[in-house]
């Protein structure tokens, strides 16, 4: 079964509020057996433009990634993020191994 990936591009607008979100989001990711592959870090623009921050989280399936997003744990994290960042958030199905 192909893995599912959450990809988010983020512009942080309030760092202290975003830190609270990040702590809650980390707990939610762990509770849903997600694996953070990219969380911020250096990015280098090769073409176009890059967001302030990129996050990639791997789940065992696309459905598991969807369930994570809708979970009670992550819903609390999203509420904490309000007003702290502008972002794009989507899930992507990986390729079969």
PDB file of N, CA and C in Angstrom:
ATOM      1  N   UNK A   1       0.848  -1.185   0.000  1.00  0.00           N
ATOM      2  CA  UNK A   1       0.000   0.000   0.000  1.00  0.00           C
ATOM      3  C   UNK A   1       0.890   1.243   0.000  1.00  0.00           C
ATOM      4  N   UNK A   2       0.596   2.218  -0.855  1.00  0.00           N
ATOM      5  CA  UNK A   2       1.398   3.448  -0.889  1.00  0.00           C
ATOM      6  C   UNK A   2       1.255   4.248   0.403  1.00  0.00           C
ATOM      7  N   UNK A   3       2.313   4.886   0.785  1.00  0.00           N
ATOM      8  CA  UNK A   3       2.291   5.754   1.966  1.00  0.00           C
ATOM      9  C   UNK A   3       1.558   7.053   1.635  1.00  0.00           C
ATOM     10  N   UNK A   4       1.159   7.764   2.677  1.00  0.00           N
ATOM     11  CA  UNK A   4       0.528   9.065   2.519  1.00  0.00           C
ATOM     12  C   UNK A   4       1.421  10.134   3.125  1.00  0.00           C
ATOM     13  N   UNK A   5       1.476  11.276   2.492  1.00  0.00           N
ATOM     14  CA  UNK A   5       2.332  12.366   2.958  1.00  0.00           C
ATOM     15  C   UNK A   5       1.517  13.628   3.156  1.00  0.00           C
ATOM     16  N   UNK A   6       1.749  14.279   4.269  1.00  0.00           N
ATOM     17  CA  UNK A   6       1.224  15.611   4.506  1.00  0.00           C
ATOM     18  C   UNK A   6       2.338  16.571   4.117  1.00  0.00           C
ATOM     19  N   UNK A   7       2.010  17.558   3.307  1.00  0.00           N
ATOM     20  CA  UNK A   7       2.972  18.586   2.929  1.00  0.00           C
ATOM     21  C   UNK A   7       2.361  19.936   3.269  1.00  0.00           C
ATOM     22  N   UNK A   8       3.113  20.736   3.994  1.00  0.00           N
ATOM     23  CA  UNK A   8       2.643  22.070   4.363  1.00  0.00           C
ATOM     24  C   UNK A   8       3.728  23.088   4.031  1.00  0.00           C
ATOM     25  N   UNK A   9       3.309  24.195   3.446  1.00  0.00           N
ATOM     26  CA  UNK A   9       4.196  25.334   3.251  1.00  0.00           C
ATOM     27  C   UNK A   9       3.655  26.454   4.122  1.00  0.00           C
ATOM     28  N   UNK A  10       4.532  27.075   4.891  1.00  0.00           N
ATOM     29  CA  UNK A  10       4.097  27.920   6.001  1.00  0.00           C
ATOM     30  C   UNK A  10       4.846  29.245   6.020  1.00  0.00           C
ATOM     31  N   UNK A  11       4.100  30.298   6.271  1.00  0.00           N
ATOM     32  CA  UNK A  11       4.658  31.613   6.567  1.00  0.00           C
ATOM     33  C   UNK A  11       4.231  31.934   7.996  1.00  0.00           C
ATOM     34  N   UNK A  12       5.155  31.932   8.926  1.00  0.00           N
ATOM     35  CA  UNK A  12       4.844  32.196  10.331  1.00  0.00           C
ATOM     36  C   UNK A  12       4.645  33.693  10.516  1.00  0.00           C
ATOM     37  N   UNK A  13       3.531  34.053  11.168  1.00  0.00           N
ATOM     38  CA  UNK A  13       3.222  35.462  11.412  1.00  0.00           C
ATOM     39  C   UNK A  13       3.320  35.832  12.889  1.00  0.00           C
ATOM     40  N   UNK A  14       3.295  34.841  13.770  1.00  0.00           N
ATOM     41  CA  UNK A  14       3.409  35.066  15.213  1.00  0.00           C
ATOM     42  C   UNK A  14       4.181  33.881  15.804  1.00  0.00           C
ATOM     43  N   UNK A  15       5.484  34.071  16.011  1.00  0.00           N
ATOM     44  CA  UNK A  15       6.364  32.961  16.401  1.00  0.00           C
ATOM     45  C   UNK A  15       5.988  32.352  17.746  1.00  0.00           C
ATOM     46  N   UNK A  16       5.612  33.154  18.721  1.00  0.00           N
ATOM     47  CA  UNK A  16       5.301  32.582  20.040  1.00  0.00           C
ATOM     48  C   UNK A  16       4.029  31.728  19.977  1.00  0.00           C
ATOM     49  N   UNK A  17       3.023  32.186  19.266  1.00  0.00           N
ATOM     50  CA  UNK A  17       1.809  31.377  19.101  1.00  0.00           C
ATOM     51  C   UNK A  17       2.092  30.133  18.269  1.00  0.00           C
ATOM     52  N   UNK A  18       2.948  30.254  17.278  1.00  0.00           N
ATOM     53  CA  UNK A  18       3.295  29.106  16.445  1.00  0.00           C
ATOM     54  C   UNK A  18       4.027  28.042  17.268  1.00  0.00           C
ATOM     55  N   UNK A  19       4.849  28.454  18.219  1.00  0.00           N
ATOM     56  CA  UNK A  19       5.545  27.499  19.086  1.00  0.00           C
ATOM     57  C   UNK A  19       4.556  26.650  19.874  1.00  0.00           C
ATOM     58  N   UNK A  20       3.458  27.243  20.326  1.00  0.00           N
ATOM     59  CA  UNK A  20       2.421  26.484  21.038  1.00  0.00           C
ATOM     60  C   UNK A  20       1.776  25.465  20.094  1.00  0.00           C
ATOM     61  N   UNK A  21       1.491  25.900  18.883  1.00  0.00           N
ATOM     62  CA  UNK A  21       0.948  24.990  17.869  1.00  0.00           C
ATOM     63  C   UNK A  21       1.909  23.839  17.610  1.00  0.00           C
ATOM     64  N   UNK A  22       3.175  24.154  17.440  1.00  0.00           N
ATOM     65  CA  UNK A  22       4.171  23.133  17.108  1.00  0.00           C
ATOM     66  C   UNK A  22       4.215  22.044  18.188  1.00  0.00           C
ATOM     67  N   UNK A  23       4.125  22.425  19.451  1.00  0.00           N
ATOM     68  CA  UNK A  23       4.135  21.433  20.534  1.00  0.00           C
ATOM     69  C   UNK A  23       2.908  20.521  20.456  1.00  0.00           C
ATOM     70  N   UNK A  24       1.737  21.102  20.239  1.00  0.00           N
ATOM     71  CA  UNK A  24       0.518  20.297  20.121  1.00  0.00           C
ATOM     72  C   UNK A  24       0.534  19.436  18.867  1.00  0.00           C
ATOM     73  N   UNK A  25       1.028  19.987  17.774  1.00  0.00           N
ATOM     74  CA  UNK A  25       1.095  19.230  16.523  1.00  0.00           C
ATOM     75  C   UNK A  25       2.045  18.044  16.662  1.00  0.00           C
ATOM     76  N   UNK A  26       3.160  18.231  17.344  1.00  0.00           N
ATOM     77  CA  UNK A  26       4.115  17.137  17.542  1.00  0.00           C
ATOM     78  C   UNK A  26       3.475  15.988  18.312  1.00  0.00           C
ATOM     79  N   UNK A  27       2.691  16.319  19.329  1.00  0.00           N
ATOM     80  CA  UNK A  27       1.986  15.290  20.091  1.00  0.00           C
ATOM     81  C   UNK A  27       0.977  14.552  19.210  1.00  0.00           C
ATOM     82  N   UNK A  28       0.267  15.289  18.383  1.00  0.00           N
ATOM     83  CA  UNK A  28      -0.733  14.679  17.492  1.00  0.00           C
ATOM     84  C   UNK A  28      -0.068  13.780  16.456  1.00  0.00           C
ATOM     85  N   UNK A  29       1.049  14.218  15.912  1.00  0.00           N
ATOM     86  CA  UNK A  29       1.780  13.412  14.928  1.00  0.00           C
ATOM     87  C   UNK A  29       2.213  12.090  15.561  1.00  0.00           C
ATOM     88  N   UNK A  30       2.775  12.164  16.740  1.00  0.00           N
ATOM     89  CA  UNK A  30       3.225  10.953  17.436  1.00  0.00           C
ATOM     90  C   UNK A  30       2.050  10.024  17.738  1.00  0.00           C
ATOM     91  N   UNK A  31       0.925  10.594  18.162  1.00  0.00           N
ATOM     92  CA  UNK A  31      -0.251   9.785  18.497  1.00  0.00           C
ATOM     93  C   UNK A  31      -0.795   9.038  17.285  1.00  0.00           C
ATOM     94  N   UNK A  32      -0.550   9.562  16.086  1.00  0.00           N
ATOM     95  CA  UNK A  32      -1.066   8.949  14.864  1.00  0.00           C
ATOM     96  C   UNK A  32       0.034   8.280  14.046  1.00  0.00           C
ATOM     97  N   UNK A  33       1.149   8.020  14.705  1.00  0.00           N
ATOM     98  CA  UNK A  33       2.274   7.281  14.122  1.00  0.00           C
ATOM     99  C   UNK A  33       2.824   7.916  12.845  1.00  0.00           C
ATOM    100  N   UNK A  34       2.792   9.238  12.810  1.00  0.00           N
ATOM    101  CA  UNK A  34       3.400   9.941  11.686  1.00  0.00           C
ATOM    102  C   UNK A  34       4.897  10.086  11.906  1.00  0.00           C
ATOM    103  N   UNK A  35       5.623  10.241  10.822  1.00  0.00           N
ATOM    104  CA  UNK A  35       7.062  10.414  10.875  1.00  0.00           C
ATOM    105  C   UNK A  35       7.419  11.725  10.169  1.00  0.00           C
ATOM    106  N   UNK A  36       7.974  12.646  10.914  1.00  0.00           N
ATOM    107  CA  UNK A  36       8.347  13.933  10.334  1.00  0.00           C
ATOM    108  C   UNK A  36       9.621  13.738   9.518  1.00  0.00           C
ATOM    109  N   UNK A  37       9.525  14.038   8.232  1.00  0.00           N
ATOM    110  CA  UNK A  37      10.679  13.913   7.333  1.00  0.00           C
ATOM    111  C   UNK A  37      11.368  15.254   7.119  1.00  0.00           C
ATOM    112  N   UNK A  38      10.577  16.321   7.105  1.00  0.00           N
ATOM    113  CA  UNK A  38      11.100  17.675   6.925  1.00  0.00           C
ATOM    114  C   UNK A  38      10.334  18.577   7.879  1.00  0.00           C
ATOM    115  N   UNK A  39      11.058  19.378   8.631  1.00  0.00           N
ATOM    116  CA  UNK A  39      10.406  20.351   9.517  1.00  0.00           C
ATOM    117  C   UNK A  39      11.267  21.604   9.517  1.00  0.00           C
ATOM    118  N   UNK A  40      10.916  22.521   8.618  1.00  0.00           N
ATOM    119  CA  UNK A  40      11.698  23.747   8.522  1.00  0.00           C
ATOM    120  C   UNK A  40      13.046  23.447   7.899  1.00  0.00           C
ATOM    121  N   UNK A  41      14.064  23.942   8.502  1.00  0.00           N
ATOM    122  CA  UNK A  41      15.412  23.706   7.994  1.00  0.00           C
ATOM    123  C   UNK A  41      15.731  24.595   6.798  1.00  0.00           C
ATOM    124  N   UNK A  42      16.924  24.480   6.342  1.00  0.00           N
ATOM    125  CA  UNK A  42      17.408  25.293   5.227  1.00  0.00           C
ATOM    126  C   UNK A  42      16.707  24.878   3.934  1.00  0.00           C
ATOM    127  N   UNK A  43      16.275  25.853   3.166  1.00  0.00           N
ATOM    128  CA  UNK A  43      15.795  25.553   1.819  1.00  0.00           C
ATOM    129  C   UNK A  43      16.517  26.472   0.844  1.00  0.00           C
ATOM    130  N   UNK A  44      16.674  25.995  -0.337  1.00  0.00           N
ATOM    131  CA  UNK A  44      17.388  26.731  -1.365  1.00  0.00           C
ATOM    132  C   UNK A  44      16.523  26.776  -2.618  1.00  0.00           C
ATOM    133  N   UNK A  45      16.217  27.959  -3.077  1.00  0.00           N
ATOM    134  CA  UNK A  45      15.370  28.123  -4.255  1.00  0.00           C
ATOM    135  C   UNK A  45      16.177  27.806  -5.506  1.00  0.00           C
ATOM    136  N   UNK A  46      15.668  26.852  -6.269  1.00  0.00           N
ATOM    137  CA  UNK A  46      16.294  26.500  -7.543  1.00  0.00           C
ATOM    138  C   UNK A  46      15.490  27.102  -8.701  1.00  0.00           C
ATOM    139  N   UNK A  47      14.163  27.202  -8.521  1.00  0.00           N
ATOM    140  CA  UNK A  47      13.271  27.856  -9.488  1.00  0.00           C
ATOM    141  C   UNK A  47      12.078  28.392  -8.718  1.00  0.00           C
ATOM    142  N   UNK A  48      11.498  29.464  -9.147  1.00  0.00           N
ATOM    143  CA  UNK A  48      10.313  30.000  -8.489  1.00  0.00           C
ATOM    144  C   UNK A  48      10.650  30.609  -7.142  1.00  0.00           C
ATOM    145  N   UNK A  49       9.789  30.356  -6.160  1.00  0.00           N
ATOM    146  CA  UNK A  49      10.011  30.910  -4.823  1.00  0.00           C
ATOM    147  C   UNK A  49       9.745  29.828  -3.783  1.00  0.00           C
ATOM    148  N   UNK A  50      10.325  30.001  -2.622  1.00  0.00           N
ATOM    149  CA  UNK A  50      10.159  29.031  -1.538  1.00  0.00           C
ATOM    150  C   UNK A  50       9.378  29.682  -0.398  1.00  0.00           C
ATOM    151  N   UNK A  51       8.608  28.879   0.323  1.00  0.00           N
ATOM    152  CA  UNK A  51       7.905  29.406   1.495  1.00  0.00           C
ATOM    153  C   UNK A  51       8.894  29.634   2.630  1.00  0.00           C
ATOM    154  N   UNK A  52       8.446  30.276   3.672  1.00  0.00           N
ATOM    155  CA  UNK A  52       9.294  30.474   4.836  1.00  0.00           C
ATOM    156  C   UNK A  52       9.665  29.161   5.490  1.00  0.00           C
ATOM    157  N   UNK A  53       8.745  28.198   5.469  1.00  0.00           N
ATOM    158  CA  UNK A  53       8.946  26.922   6.159  1.00  0.00           C
ATOM    159  C   UNK A  53       8.203  25.827   5.397  1.00  0.00           C
ATOM    160  N   UNK A  54       8.809  24.654   5.312  1.00  0.00           N
ATOM    161  CA  UNK A  54       8.173  23.495   4.690  1.00  0.00           C
ATOM    162  C   UNK A  54       8.184  22.352   5.686  1.00  0.00           C
ATOM    163  N   UNK A  55       7.061  21.630   5.754  1.00  0.00           N
ATOM    164  CA  UNK A  55       6.950  20.455   6.614  1.00  0.00           C
ATOM    165  C   UNK A  55       6.444  19.292   5.770  1.00  0.00           C
ATOM    166  N   UNK A  56       7.060  18.116   5.934  1.00  0.00           N
ATOM    167  CA  UNK A  56       6.620  16.896   5.274  1.00  0.00           C
ATOM    168  C   UNK A  56       6.511  15.815   6.348  1.00  0.00           C
ATOM    169  N   UNK A  57       5.332  15.184   6.426  1.00  0.00           N
ATOM    170  CA  UNK A  57       5.089  14.131   7.411  1.00  0.00           C
ATOM    171  C   UNK A  57       4.629  12.886   6.664  1.00  0.00           C
ATOM    172  N   UNK A  58       5.233  11.761   6.975  1.00  0.00           N
ATOM    173  CA  UNK A  58       4.893  10.499   6.328  1.00  0.00           C
ATOM    174  C   UNK A  58       3.978   9.670   7.222  1.00  0.00           C
ATOM    175  N   UNK A  59       2.947   9.088   6.607  1.00  0.00           N
ATOM    176  CA  UNK A  59       2.044   8.158   7.282  1.00  0.00           C
ATOM    177  C   UNK A  59       2.018   6.866   6.481  1.00  0.00           C
ATOM    178  N   UNK A  60       1.555   5.799   7.101  1.00  0.00           N
ATOM    179  CA  UNK A  60       1.536   4.500   6.434  1.00  0.00           C
ATOM    180  C   UNK A  60       0.603   4.458   5.229  1.00  0.00           C
ATOM    181  N   UNK A  61      -0.376   5.356   5.185  1.00  0.00           N
ATOM    182  CA  UNK A  61      -1.310   5.394   4.053  1.00  0.00           C
ATOM    183  C   UNK A  61      -1.890   6.791   3.918  1.00  0.00           C
ATOM    184  N   UNK A  62      -2.496   7.049   2.780  1.00  0.00           N
ATOM    185  CA  UNK A  62      -3.169   8.320   2.551  1.00  0.00           C
ATOM    186  C   UNK A  62      -4.337   8.469   3.521  1.00  0.00           C
ATOM    187  N   UNK A  63      -5.056   7.383   3.767  1.00  0.00           N
ATOM    188  CA  UNK A  63      -6.181   7.431   4.697  1.00  0.00           C
ATOM    189  C   UNK A  63      -5.717   7.766   6.103  1.00  0.00           C
ATOM    190  N   UNK A  64      -4.587   7.247   6.526  1.00  0.00           N
ATOM    191  CA  UNK A  64      -4.062   7.569   7.854  1.00  0.00           C
ATOM    192  C   UNK A  64      -3.699   9.051   7.942  1.00  0.00           C
ATOM    193  N   UNK A  65      -3.154   9.611   6.866  1.00  0.00           N
ATOM    194  CA  UNK A  65      -2.836  11.046   6.844  1.00  0.00           C
ATOM    195  C   UNK A  65      -4.116  11.873   6.955  1.00  0.00           C
ATOM    196  N   UNK A  66      -5.164  11.450   6.286  1.00  0.00           N
ATOM    197  CA  UNK A  66      -6.459  12.148   6.369  1.00  0.00           C
ATOM    198  C   UNK A  66      -7.028  12.076   7.783  1.00  0.00           C
ATOM    199  N   UNK A  67      -6.959  10.881   8.382  1.00  0.00           N
ATOM    200  CA  UNK A  67      -7.485  10.713   9.746  1.00  0.00           C
ATOM    201  C   UNK A  67      -6.718  11.591  10.733  1.00  0.00           C
ATOM    202  N   UNK A  68      -5.412  11.686  10.556  1.00  0.00           N
ATOM    203  CA  UNK A  68      -4.605  12.557  11.417  1.00  0.00           C
ATOM    204  C   UNK A  68      -5.127  13.987  11.361  1.00  0.00           C
ATOM    205  N   UNK A  69      -5.326  14.498  10.151  1.00  0.00           N
ATOM    206  CA  UNK A  69      -5.763  15.891   9.996  1.00  0.00           C
ATOM    207  C   UNK A  69      -7.100  16.145  10.698  1.00  0.00           C
ATOM    208  N   UNK A  70      -7.988  15.172  10.647  1.00  0.00           N
ATOM    209  CA  UNK A  70      -9.330  15.325  11.231  1.00  0.00           C
ATOM    210  C   UNK A  70      -9.402  14.918  12.690  1.00  0.00           C
ATOM    211  N   UNK A  71      -8.306  14.446  13.253  1.00  0.00           N
ATOM    212  CA  UNK A  71      -8.319  13.924  14.616  1.00  0.00           C
ATOM    213  C   UNK A  71      -8.562  15.022  15.651  1.00  0.00           C
ATOM    214  N   UNK A  72      -9.051  14.609  16.799  1.00  0.00           N
ATOM    215  CA  UNK A  72      -9.261  15.537  17.908  1.00  0.00           C
ATOM    216  C   UNK A  72      -7.952  16.205  18.314  1.00  0.00           C
ATOM    217  N   UNK A  73      -6.873  15.416  18.346  1.00  0.00           N
ATOM    218  CA  UNK A  73      -5.573  15.966  18.758  1.00  0.00           C
ATOM    219  C   UNK A  73      -5.111  17.065  17.805  1.00  0.00           C
ATOM    220  N   UNK A  74      -5.232  16.808  16.508  1.00  0.00           N
ATOM    221  CA  UNK A  74      -4.753  17.818  15.573  1.00  0.00           C
ATOM    222  C   UNK A  74      -5.724  18.986  15.437  1.00  0.00           C
ATOM    223  N   UNK A  75      -7.004  18.734  15.660  1.00  0.00           N
ATOM    224  CA  UNK A  75      -7.975  19.830  15.666  1.00  0.00           C
ATOM    225  C   UNK A  75      -7.611  20.847  16.748  1.00  0.00           C
ATOM    226  N   UNK A  76      -7.184  20.367  17.910  1.00  0.00           N
ATOM    227  CA  UNK A  76      -6.737  21.274  18.985  1.00  0.00           C
ATOM    228  C   UNK A  76      -5.500  22.056  18.552  1.00  0.00           C
ATOM    229  N   UNK A  77      -4.590  21.390  17.879  1.00  0.00           N
ATOM    230  CA  UNK A  77      -3.384  22.071  17.398  1.00  0.00           C
ATOM    231  C   UNK A  77      -3.748  23.152  16.380  1.00  0.00           C
ATOM    232  N   UNK A  78      -4.651  22.825  15.455  1.00  0.00           N
ATOM    233  CA  UNK A  78      -5.068  23.814  14.448  1.00  0.00           C
ATOM    234  C   UNK A  78      -5.685  25.040  15.110  1.00  0.00           C
ATOM    235  N   UNK A  79      -6.481  24.822  16.138  1.00  0.00           N
ATOM    236  CA  UNK A  79      -7.091  25.958  16.849  1.00  0.00           C
ATOM    237  C   UNK A  79      -6.005  26.841  17.465  1.00  0.00           C
ATOM    238  N   UNK A  80      -4.961  26.234  17.997  1.00  0.00           N
ATOM    239  CA  UNK A  80      -3.860  26.993  18.590  1.00  0.00           C
ATOM    240  C   UNK A  80      -3.069  27.764  17.538  1.00  0.00           C
ATOM    241  N   UNK A  81      -3.113  27.293  16.298  1.00  0.00           N
ATOM    242  CA  UNK A  81      -2.349  27.922  15.208  1.00  0.00           C
ATOM    243  C   UNK A  81      -3.046  29.156  14.636  1.00  0.00           C
ATOM    244  N   UNK A  82      -4.333  29.321  14.894  1.00  0.00           N
ATOM    245  CA  UNK A  82      -5.078  30.441  14.308  1.00  0.00           C
ATOM    246  C   UNK A  82      -4.398  31.773  14.613  1.00  0.00           C
ATOM    247  N   UNK A  83      -4.148  32.532  13.566  1.00  0.00           N
ATOM    248  CA  UNK A  83      -3.500  33.827  13.714  1.00  0.00           C
ATOM    249  C   UNK A  83      -1.993  33.754  13.844  1.00  0.00           C
ATOM    250  N   UNK A  84      -1.421  32.559  13.827  1.00  0.00           N
ATOM    251  CA  UNK A  84       0.018  32.401  14.002  1.00  0.00           C
ATOM    252  C   UNK A  84       0.758  32.138  12.693  1.00  0.00           C
ATOM    253  N   UNK A  85       0.012  31.729  11.640  1.00  0.00           N
ATOM    254  CA  UNK A  85       0.686  31.385  10.393  1.00  0.00           C
ATOM    255  C   UNK A  85      -0.306  31.344   9.239  1.00  0.00           C
ATOM    256  N   UNK A  86       0.207  31.599   8.056  1.00  0.00           N
ATOM    257  CA  UNK A  86      -0.528  31.400   6.811  1.00  0.00           C
ATOM    258  C   UNK A  86       0.092  30.177   6.153  1.00  0.00           C
ATOM    259  N   UNK A  87      -0.759  29.264   5.680  1.00  0.00           N
ATOM    260  CA  UNK A  87      -0.183  28.053   5.136  1.00  0.00           C
ATOM    261  C   UNK A  87      -1.020  27.420   4.050  1.00  0.00           C
ATOM    262  N   UNK A  88      -0.371  26.549   3.319  1.00  0.00           N
ATOM    263  CA  UNK A  88      -0.999  25.622   2.386  1.00  0.00           C
ATOM    264  C   UNK A  88      -0.757  24.242   2.973  1.00  0.00           C
ATOM    265  N   UNK A  89      -1.782  23.394   2.934  1.00  0.00           N
ATOM    266  CA  UNK A  89      -1.698  22.079   3.572  1.00  0.00           C
ATOM    267  C   UNK A  89      -2.376  21.084   2.650  1.00  0.00           C
ATOM    268  N   UNK A  90      -1.683  20.022   2.296  1.00  0.00           N
ATOM    269  CA  UNK A  90      -2.314  19.024   1.447  1.00  0.00           C
ATOM    270  C   UNK A  90      -1.723  17.651   1.725  1.00  0.00           C
ATOM    271  N   UNK A  91      -2.458  16.626   1.299  1.00  0.00           N
ATOM    272  CA  UNK A  91      -1.957  15.251   1.414  1.00  0.00           C
ATOM    273  C   UNK A  91      -1.674  14.732   0.009  1.00  0.00           C
ATOM    274  N   UNK A  92      -0.670  13.863  -0.078  1.00  0.00           N
ATOM    275  CA  UNK A  92      -0.231  13.312  -1.347  1.00  0.00           C
ATOM    276  C   UNK A  92      -0.010  11.816  -1.166  1.00  0.00           C
ATOM    277  N   UNK A  93      -0.477  11.051  -2.119  1.00  0.00           N
ATOM    278  CA  UNK A  93      -0.237   9.617  -2.084  1.00  0.00           C
ATOM    279  C   UNK A  93       1.143   9.329  -2.665  1.00  0.00           C
ATOM    280  N   UNK A  94       1.913   8.505  -1.949  1.00  0.00           N
ATOM    281  CA  UNK A  94       3.232   8.104  -2.427  1.00  0.00           C
ATOM    282  C   UNK A  94       3.098   7.025  -3.500  1.00  0.00           C
ATOM    283  N   UNK A  95       4.230   6.588  -4.012  1.00  0.00           N
ATOM    284  CA  UNK A  95       4.231   5.532  -5.024  1.00  0.00           C
ATOM    285  C   UNK A  95       4.347   4.176  -4.338  1.00  0.00           C
ATOM    286  N   UNK A  96       3.880   3.132  -5.010  1.00  0.00           N
ATOM    287  CA  UNK A  96       4.026   1.785  -4.484  1.00  0.00           C
ATOM    288  C   UNK A  96       5.504   1.413  -4.461  1.00  0.00           C
ATOM    289  N   UNK A  97       5.898   0.695  -3.421  1.00  0.00           N
ATOM    290  CA  UNK A  97       7.301   0.239  -3.329  1.00  0.00           C
ATOM    291  C   UNK A  97       7.570  -0.862  -4.324  1.00  0.00           C
TER     292      UNK A  97
END
